[in-house]
Protein backbone atom coordinates (compact mmCIF):
# COMPACT_ATOMS: atom_id res chain seq x y z
CA MET A 1 -0.31 0.20 -0.11
CA THR A 2 1.30 3.31 -1.02
CA SER A 3 1.30 6.33 1.56
CA LEU A 4 1.87 9.66 0.95
CA VAL A 5 2.89 12.06 3.73
CA THR A 6 3.23 15.85 3.41
CA GLY A 7 5.54 17.46 5.52
CA ALA A 8 7.81 14.77 5.56
CA ASN A 9 10.34 16.96 6.52
CA GLY A 10 9.29 18.55 9.61
CA PHE A 11 9.19 17.37 12.83
CA VAL A 12 5.85 15.31 13.12
CA GLY A 13 6.02 14.31 9.45
CA SER A 14 9.16 12.76 9.79
CA HIS A 15 8.27 10.25 12.57
CA VAL A 16 5.03 9.91 10.50
CA ALA A 17 7.48 8.77 7.46
CA ARG A 18 9.85 6.38 9.58
CA MET A 19 6.89 4.94 11.48
CA LEU A 20 5.59 4.23 7.96
CA VAL A 21 8.37 2.56 6.90
CA GLU A 22 9.07 0.79 9.70
CA ARG A 23 5.25 -0.86 9.25
CA GLY A 24 6.86 -1.97 5.60
CA GLU A 25 4.55 0.59 3.57
CA GLU A 26 5.33 2.29 0.23
CA VAL A 27 6.25 5.67 1.20
CA ARG A 28 6.17 8.81 -0.68
CA VAL A 29 6.52 11.80 0.20
CA LEU A 30 5.71 15.17 -1.29
CA VAL A 31 8.51 17.91 -0.56
CA ARG A 32 9.28 21.47 -2.35
CA PRO A 33 12.66 21.74 -4.20
CA GLU A 34 13.96 24.26 -1.98
CA SER A 35 13.25 21.42 0.86
CA ASN A 36 16.07 20.65 3.67
CA LEU A 37 15.43 16.96 3.53
CA LYS A 38 17.78 16.38 6.30
CA ALA A 39 15.20 14.53 8.84
CA ILE A 40 14.24 11.67 6.16
CA GLU A 41 17.60 11.45 4.27
CA ASP A 42 18.03 7.91 5.85
CA LEU A 43 14.78 6.87 4.78
CA PRO A 44 14.00 4.88 1.85
CA VAL A 45 11.27 6.81 0.13
CA GLU A 46 9.68 8.50 -3.02
CA LYS A 47 10.17 11.90 -3.47
CA VAL A 48 7.65 13.93 -5.30
CA TYR A 49 8.06 17.44 -6.09
CA GLY A 50 5.17 20.08 -4.93
CA ASP A 51 3.95 22.91 -3.38
CA LEU A 52 0.65 23.36 -1.17
CA ARG A 53 0.49 26.63 -2.87
CA ASN A 54 0.32 25.03 -6.42
CA ALA A 55 -2.50 23.09 -6.73
CA ASP A 56 -1.59 21.40 -10.05
CA SER A 57 1.35 19.85 -8.60
CA LEU A 58 -0.39 18.27 -6.03
CA ARG A 59 -1.79 15.71 -8.47
CA PRO A 60 0.83 13.67 -9.11
CA ALA A 61 1.62 13.32 -5.69
CA VAL A 62 -1.41 11.74 -4.92
CA GLU A 63 -2.16 9.62 -8.21
CA GLY A 64 -1.52 6.27 -7.17
CA ALA A 65 -1.69 6.77 -3.46
CA GLN A 66 -4.19 4.44 -1.26
CA ARG A 67 -3.49 6.90 2.31
CA LEU A 68 -2.82 10.35 2.79
CA PHE A 69 -1.33 11.80 5.59
CA HIS A 70 -1.53 15.50 5.55
CA VAL A 71 0.87 16.87 8.40
CA ALA A 72 2.15 19.65 6.34
CA ALA A 73 1.75 23.03 7.88
CA ASP A 74 3.15 26.17 7.70
CA TYR A 75 4.00 26.57 11.58
CA ARG A 76 5.48 30.31 12.78
CA LEU A 77 4.43 32.65 15.05
CA GLY A 78 5.37 36.36 14.30
CA ALA A 79 5.51 35.99 10.54
CA SER A 80 5.95 39.19 8.43
CA ASN A 81 3.75 38.00 6.15
CA PRO A 82 0.90 36.26 7.24
CA GLN A 83 -0.74 35.85 4.23
CA GLU A 84 1.82 33.36 3.12
CA ILE A 85 0.54 31.11 6.57
CA TYR A 86 -3.09 31.14 4.69
CA ASP A 87 -2.14 30.22 1.31
CA ALA A 88 -0.19 27.26 3.00
CA ASN A 89 -2.38 26.11 5.80
CA VAL A 90 -5.84 26.54 4.71
CA ALA A 91 -6.01 27.07 0.70
CA GLY A 92 -3.13 24.64 0.12
CA THR A 93 -5.74 21.80 2.59
CA ARG A 94 -8.45 22.64 0.42
CA SER A 95 -6.44 21.89 -2.95
CA LEU A 96 -4.86 18.85 -1.31
CA LEU A 97 -8.02 17.11 -0.27
CA GLN A 98 -9.70 18.10 -4.06
CA ALA A 99 -6.83 16.27 -5.56
CA ALA A 100 -7.37 13.15 -2.88
CA PHE A 101 -10.97 13.10 -3.61
CA LYS A 102 -10.24 12.75 -7.93
CA ALA A 103 -8.00 10.36 -7.00
CA ARG A 104 -10.05 8.11 -5.29
CA VAL A 105 -7.52 8.05 -1.90
CA GLN A 106 -9.11 5.14 0.27
CA ARG A 107 -8.37 7.80 3.85
CA VAL A 108 -6.63 10.71 4.47
CA VAL A 109 -5.64 12.08 7.96
CA VAL A 110 -5.32 15.68 8.37
CA THR A 111 -3.13 16.78 11.12
CA SER A 112 -4.68 19.52 12.85
CA SER A 113 -3.68 21.09 16.20
CA VAL A 114 -4.35 21.09 19.60
CA ALA A 115 -4.56 25.16 18.97
CA THR A 116 -7.72 24.59 17.36
CA ILE A 117 -9.33 22.94 20.58
CA ALA A 118 -10.99 25.58 22.93
CA VAL A 119 -9.35 26.71 26.05
CA GLU A 120 -10.57 25.82 29.41
CA ARG A 121 -14.37 26.23 30.49
CA GLY A 122 -14.83 26.33 34.10
CA ASN A 123 -14.25 23.26 35.83
CA ALA A 124 -14.15 20.91 32.90
CA LEU A 125 -11.45 20.09 30.38
CA PRO A 126 -12.31 21.15 26.94
CA ASN A 127 -12.25 17.92 24.34
CA GLU A 128 -13.17 17.56 20.34
CA SER A 129 -16.87 18.21 21.26
CA THR A 130 -16.32 21.77 23.45
CA GLU A 131 -17.64 24.45 20.38
CA THR A 132 -15.43 27.37 19.88
CA GLN A 133 -15.07 30.08 17.21
CA LEU A 134 -13.17 31.80 15.16
CA ASP A 135 -12.89 34.94 16.96
CA GLU A 136 -11.12 32.59 19.88
CA MET A 137 -8.28 31.93 18.04
CA ILE A 138 -5.11 34.07 19.05
CA GLY A 139 -3.30 34.96 16.21
CA HIS A 140 -2.36 33.68 12.78
CA TYR A 141 -1.37 30.51 12.83
CA LYS A 142 -3.88 29.23 14.97
CA ARG A 143 -6.70 30.78 12.74
CA SER A 144 -5.08 29.07 9.86
CA LYS A 145 -5.36 25.97 11.63
CA PHE A 146 -9.00 26.51 12.61
CA LEU A 147 -10.03 27.30 9.03
CA ALA A 148 -7.94 24.34 7.60
CA GLU A 149 -9.64 22.30 9.97
CA LYS A 150 -12.90 23.19 8.93
CA GLU A 151 -11.71 22.45 5.13
CA ALA A 152 -10.97 18.85 6.32
CA LEU A 153 -14.11 18.46 8.30
CA LYS A 154 -16.47 19.80 4.91
CA ALA A 155 -14.59 17.93 2.46
CA ALA A 156 -15.63 14.65 4.95
CA ARG A 157 -19.43 15.42 4.75
CA GLU A 158 -18.73 15.72 0.81
CA GLY A 159 -17.50 12.22 0.23
CA VAL A 160 -13.85 12.47 1.08
CA PRO A 161 -13.14 9.75 3.52
CA VAL A 162 -11.01 12.40 5.92
CA VAL A 163 -10.18 11.56 10.12
CA VAL A 164 -8.39 14.61 11.63
CA VAL A 165 -5.90 14.55 14.50
CA ASN A 166 -5.30 16.98 16.56
CA PRO A 167 -1.32 16.34 18.30
CA THR A 168 -0.50 18.74 21.40
CA THR A 169 2.65 19.79 21.90
CA PRO A 170 5.01 16.73 20.99
CA VAL A 171 8.54 16.35 21.86
CA GLY A 172 11.12 14.10 21.26
CA PRO A 173 14.04 13.50 19.30
CA GLY A 174 14.40 14.62 15.64
CA ASP A 175 13.01 18.55 16.10
CA TRP A 176 15.80 19.56 13.34
CA LYS A 177 14.12 23.09 12.51
CA PRO A 178 13.38 23.42 15.80
CA THR A 179 9.86 24.01 16.16
CA PRO A 180 8.96 26.91 18.69
CA THR A 181 8.34 23.97 21.27
CA GLY A 182 11.71 22.84 20.53
CA ARG A 183 13.43 26.25 21.13
CA ILE A 184 11.75 26.38 24.36
CA ILE A 185 14.04 23.02 25.12
CA VAL A 186 17.00 24.62 23.65
CA ASP A 187 16.95 27.63 24.97
CA PHE A 188 16.75 26.18 28.57
CA LEU A 189 19.64 24.31 27.99
CA ASN A 190 21.93 26.65 26.54
CA GLY A 191 20.86 28.90 29.95
CA ARG A 192 18.37 31.39 28.10
CA MET A 193 15.58 31.21 30.05
CA PRO A 194 16.19 32.99 33.42
CA ALA A 195 12.28 32.99 33.88
CA TYR A 196 9.14 31.47 32.74
CA VAL A 197 5.40 32.45 32.72
CA GLU A 198 2.62 31.18 34.27
CA THR A 199 1.02 28.16 31.67
CA GLY A 200 0.32 25.43 30.86
CA LEU A 201 0.29 22.49 28.05
CA ASN A 202 -0.98 19.45 26.88
CA TRP A 203 2.71 17.16 26.23
CA VAL A 204 3.32 13.98 24.64
CA PRO A 205 6.05 12.12 22.83
CA VAL A 206 6.25 12.71 19.62
CA GLU A 207 6.78 8.87 18.51
CA ASP A 208 3.30 7.79 19.76
CA VAL A 209 1.96 11.06 18.17
CA ALA A 210 3.63 8.87 14.85
CA ALA A 211 1.47 5.96 15.85
CA GLY A 212 -1.68 7.73 16.29
CA HIS A 213 -1.75 8.73 12.92
CA TRP A 214 -1.70 5.17 12.09
CA THR A 215 -4.30 4.18 14.32
CA ALA A 216 -6.59 7.08 13.23
CA ALA A 217 -6.32 5.69 9.90
CA GLU A 218 -7.07 2.01 10.97
CA ARG A 219 -9.98 3.01 13.51
CA GLY A 220 -10.72 6.55 13.01
CA ARG A 221 -14.11 7.34 11.91
CA VAL A 222 -14.67 9.58 8.84
CA GLY A 223 -15.80 13.29 9.83
CA GLU A 224 -14.55 12.89 13.39
CA ARG A 225 -11.53 14.48 14.92
CA TYR A 226 -8.81 12.97 17.60
CA ILE A 227 -6.49 14.96 20.31
CA LEU A 228 -3.66 12.76 20.65
CA GLY A 229 -2.23 13.62 23.78
CA GLY A 230 -0.48 13.03 26.60
CA ARG A 231 0.18 14.90 29.84
CA ASN A 232 -1.21 18.27 31.07
CA LEU A 233 1.65 19.64 32.74
CA LEU A 234 2.59 23.07 33.87
CA LEU A 235 5.49 25.03 31.92
CA LYS A 236 7.25 25.47 35.38
CA GLU A 237 6.75 21.67 35.86
CA VAL A 238 8.56 20.54 32.50
CA LEU A 239 11.42 22.83 33.37
CA ASP A 240 11.92 21.24 36.74
CA ILE A 241 11.91 17.95 34.83
CA LEU A 242 14.26 19.36 32.19
CA ALA A 243 16.42 20.31 35.05
CA ARG A 244 16.77 16.95 36.69
CA ILE A 245 17.30 15.45 33.39
CA SER A 246 20.00 18.13 32.13
CA GLY A 247 21.58 19.29 35.59
CA ARG A 248 20.62 22.61 34.68
CA PRO A 249 19.27 25.29 37.00
CA SER A 250 15.14 25.60 36.72
CA PRO A 251 14.17 29.27 36.82
CA ARG A 252 12.71 30.48 39.75
CA VAL A 253 11.57 33.77 38.89
CA ARG A 254 7.67 33.89 37.39
CA LEU A 255 7.28 36.61 34.88
CA PRO A 256 3.95 38.49 35.03
CA HIS A 257 2.20 38.01 31.42
CA ALA A 258 2.35 41.64 31.05
CA VAL A 259 6.12 42.24 31.21
CA ALA A 260 6.38 38.71 29.00
CA MET A 261 4.29 41.26 26.79
CA ALA A 262 6.38 44.11 27.17
CA ALA A 263 9.76 41.98 26.17
CA GLY A 264 7.50 40.33 23.18
CA TYR A 265 7.09 43.82 21.61
CA ALA A 266 10.27 44.96 22.02
CA ASP A 267 12.14 42.05 20.74
CA TYR A 268 9.45 42.31 17.66
CA VAL A 269 10.92 46.04 16.82
CA PHE A 270 14.77 44.55 17.23
CA SER A 271 13.99 41.69 14.71
CA ARG A 272 12.77 43.80 12.15
CA ILE A 273 15.60 45.95 12.51
CA LEU A 274 17.60 43.05 12.27
CA SER A 275 15.67 40.81 9.85
CA ARG A 276 15.63 37.85 11.75
CA PRO A 277 12.98 35.90 13.40
CA PRO A 278 11.26 36.99 17.03
CA ARG A 279 13.18 35.23 19.80
CA ILE A 280 9.57 36.31 22.16
CA PRO A 281 6.59 35.74 19.49
CA ILE A 282 3.78 37.83 20.57
CA GLU A 283 1.46 35.88 19.41
CA GLY A 284 3.12 32.69 21.90
CA VAL A 285 2.89 35.34 24.73
CA ARG A 286 -0.67 35.64 23.98
CA MET A 287 -1.36 32.04 23.94
CA ALA A 288 0.39 31.53 27.32
CA ARG A 289 -2.41 33.40 29.02
CA HIS A 290 -3.86 30.33 28.82
CA LYS A 291 -3.43 26.92 29.78
CA MET A 292 -3.97 24.95 27.09
CA PHE A 293 -4.80 21.47 29.15
CA VAL A 294 -7.83 19.23 27.20
CA ASP A 295 -9.27 15.82 28.06
CA CYS A 296 -7.87 13.17 25.33
CA SER A 297 -10.07 10.37 26.57
CA LYS A 298 -11.80 9.92 22.76
CA ALA A 299 -8.62 8.82 21.21
CA ALA A 300 -8.08 6.73 24.18
CA GLY A 301 -11.22 4.93 23.87
CA GLU A 302 -11.80 4.79 20.19
CA LEU A 303 -8.29 4.25 18.94
CA GLY A 304 -6.64 2.73 22.07
CA PHE A 305 -4.27 5.81 21.86
CA SER A 306 -1.93 5.11 24.53
CA PRO A 307 0.83 7.21 24.77
CA GLY A 308 4.11 6.97 26.71
CA SER A 309 6.09 9.19 29.16
CA VAL A 310 6.80 12.76 28.79
CA GLU A 311 9.58 12.30 31.24
CA SER A 312 11.67 9.98 29.04
CA ALA A 313 10.01 11.82 25.67
CA LEU A 314 12.20 15.00 27.09
CA GLU A 315 15.05 12.92 27.91
CA ARG A 316 15.38 11.59 24.28
CA ALA A 317 14.95 15.32 23.10
CA VAL A 318 17.54 16.59 25.40
CA ASN A 319 19.96 13.62 24.34
CA TRP A 320 19.25 14.47 20.98
CA TYR A 321 19.61 18.31 21.24
CA ARG A 322 23.13 17.47 22.66
CA GLN A 323 24.78 15.01 20.39
CA ASN A 324 23.65 17.14 17.30
CA GLY A 325 25.00 20.56 18.78
CA TYR A 326 21.94 22.56 19.81
CA CYS A 327 23.79 22.88 23.00
CA PRO A 328 26.77 21.94 25.17
CA THR A 329 27.04 19.13 27.40
CA ASN A 330 28.07 21.69 30.30
CA GLY A 331 30.08 18.58 31.68
CA VAL A 332 26.94 16.41 32.21
CA ALA A 333 26.31 13.16 30.29
CA ALA A 334 23.49 13.56 27.78
CA GLY A 335 20.53 11.89 29.83
CA GLN A 336 22.44 11.79 33.40
CA MET A 337 19.86 12.56 36.25
CA VAL A 338 20.84 14.76 39.10
CA LYS A 339 18.59 14.83 42.08
CA ALA A 340 16.58 17.39 42.58
CA ALA A 341 18.16 20.09 44.91
């Protein structure tokens, strides 16, 4: 069986492609000619060159594929030209699903995001059925993913066999770029995190997210979405885990959101002057005002999704970043656990 993976050069997409290869699938990947393919350079995959923003380039990619795993997304917080994000994430998803329908692809798994899930509503954790609106989405990335998910669910109603998965915050090895989440870990390991903001996320091993894509293709109900999540943890709890893994001190100063926002605006000005991506994305600071804790029981019940240890995933991430030169070892062996102070 031939499976097409978009975004296979990215963090989650590379793990999806690797998982499929390990399961004996014939894997085809859609990549742009200029894409950095380091994440999949060791995989025996067929490469098809195209671009989500070019509908004509998508037809050869889906032709003859039985399954499509649409993982690709423009994941940037604070893009200088936000329209690029909508062109790739919304219009690109629409074009790809139209091509998949014409090619009679048997199953499509669309990778959405926990970003489309509502924030906490009182005492109950939000889940796939919690109602939310576009105006609740903070920033262009979240808005684009919300609209892309609407395109996927609309296509399902019109006969495309689509299942949507909503990964939470994946962590683990192989985040080459790195993603905004990966930058949190890298900054911590390099001693560039003297303070933290009070926020929380749901964290999950990236390898389990990849496996969740497979079970969604096998068992997921068409037109449904499934949160692929692990543990709800405060950012400070994650930083404390990283401290135990790495031997570096965990920050003790809690930064008020107002101060973090001011730092974000200042960084935005400098990023424009220096023509570099912002290191403190304003959208990210705005998102941090809400704890993005979620209820993951639907995927557990319907897909049998049962992720492993977040601590182990963070340790694998730390080892990988150290082995690939993202941070110094500081005299502490990669993965060596130290006693809490």
